[in-house]
Protein backbone atom coordinates (compact mmCIF):
# COMPACT_ATOMS: atom_id res chain seq x y z
CA UNK A 1 0.00 0.00 0.00
CA UNK A 2 1.54 3.26 -1.16
CA UNK A 3 1.34 6.25 1.19
CA UNK A 4 -0.74 9.09 -0.22
CA UNK A 5 -1.11 11.31 2.87
CA UNK A 6 1.70 13.76 3.55
CA UNK A 7 3.17 14.58 6.96
CA UNK A 8 1.28 17.83 7.53
CA UNK A 9 -1.98 16.33 6.32
CA UNK A 10 -1.35 13.36 8.62
CA UNK A 11 -1.30 15.59 11.71
CA UNK A 12 -4.36 17.52 10.52
CA UNK A 13 -6.31 14.28 9.99
CA UNK A 14 -5.38 12.94 13.43
CA UNK A 15 -6.25 16.27 15.07
CA UNK A 16 -9.61 16.50 13.30
CA UNK A 17 -10.32 12.90 14.24
CA UNK A 18 -9.70 13.63 17.90
CA UNK A 19 -11.89 16.74 17.74
CA UNK A 20 -14.68 14.80 16.00
CA UNK A 21 -14.42 12.06 18.64
CA UNK A 22 -14.71 14.59 21.44
CA UNK A 23 -17.70 16.21 19.72
CA UNK A 24 -19.34 12.79 19.41
CA UNK A 25 -18.81 12.25 23.12
CA UNK A 26 -20.49 15.59 23.86
CA UNK A 27 -23.48 14.73 21.59
CA UNK A 28 -24.33 11.39 23.20
CA UNK A 29 -28.05 12.18 23.33
CA UNK A 30 -28.36 12.35 19.55
CA UNK A 31 -27.46 8.80 18.54
CA UNK A 32 -27.41 9.47 14.78
CA UNK A 33 -25.17 12.54 14.96
CA UNK A 34 -22.95 10.87 17.53
CA UNK A 35 -22.63 7.74 15.39
CA UNK A 36 -21.73 9.74 12.29
CA UNK A 37 -19.12 11.71 14.20
CA UNK A 38 -17.59 8.55 15.67
CA UNK A 39 -17.40 7.06 12.18
CA UNK A 40 -15.79 10.20 10.76
CA UNK A 41 -13.36 10.36 13.69
CA UNK A 42 -12.31 6.75 13.26
CA UNK A 43 -11.82 7.18 9.52
CA UNK A 44 -9.76 10.36 9.92
CA UNK A 45 -7.55 8.89 12.63
CA UNK A 46 -7.04 5.65 10.68
CA UNK A 47 -6.02 7.46 7.50
CA UNK A 48 -3.73 9.77 9.48
CA UNK A 49 -1.97 6.96 11.30
CA UNK A 50 -1.63 4.68 8.26
CA UNK A 51 -0.86 7.60 5.89
CA UNK A 52 -3.20 6.03 3.32
CA UNK A 53 -6.56 7.40 2.23
CA UNK A 54 -8.64 5.11 -0.01
CA UNK A 55 -10.68 8.04 -1.37
CA UNK A 56 -7.53 9.87 -2.48
CA UNK A 57 -6.28 6.66 -4.08
CA UNK A 58 -9.52 6.25 -6.06
CA UNK A 59 -9.31 9.87 -7.23
CA UNK A 60 -5.63 9.50 -8.14
CA UNK A 61 -4.46 12.22 -5.75
CA UNK A 62 -0.98 11.83 -4.30
CA UNK A 63 0.57 13.10 -1.09
CA UNK A 64 0.99 16.64 -2.41
CA UNK A 65 4.76 16.57 -2.80
CA UNK A 66 4.47 16.64 -6.58
CA UNK A 67 4.64 19.91 -8.45
CA UNK A 68 2.53 20.86 -11.44
CA UNK A 69 5.41 20.14 -13.85
CA UNK A 70 5.83 16.58 -12.69
CA UNK A 71 6.25 14.07 -15.51
CA UNK A 72 3.20 12.12 -14.33
CA UNK A 73 0.92 15.11 -14.86
CA UNK A 74 2.52 16.23 -18.13
CA UNK A 75 2.20 12.78 -19.72
CA UNK A 76 -1.49 12.46 -18.89
CA UNK A 77 -3.49 11.73 -22.08
CA UNK A 78 -6.31 14.05 -20.98
CA UNK A 79 -4.02 16.95 -20.13
CA UNK A 80 -5.50 20.03 -21.86
CA UNK A 81 -2.29 22.02 -22.07
CA UNK A 82 -0.18 19.31 -23.65
CA UNK A 83 2.26 20.65 -26.25
CA UNK A 84 1.79 17.52 -28.35
CA UNK A 85 -1.81 18.26 -29.35
CA UNK A 86 -0.85 20.57 -32.21
CA UNK A 87 -3.91 22.78 -31.67
CA UNK A 88 -3.45 26.43 -30.81
């Protein structure tokens, strides 16, 4: 499994997961809202700890260390600004 969550994003995900977990604890009377928050908290913490996000993998988004002139982006067949298209 290739890591697709960067270091800064990792800490943000873990922090948001903890905050969502605390909010779920505060909202114990509303079982639906509490359950959704617990689920979101668990997902955020898991993706932060493992540094892998399945949604980002499905969308083809990397860890954010790549620049816009990376060879992977320039060689994309659907890239609109490709110099090989011949159209001006």
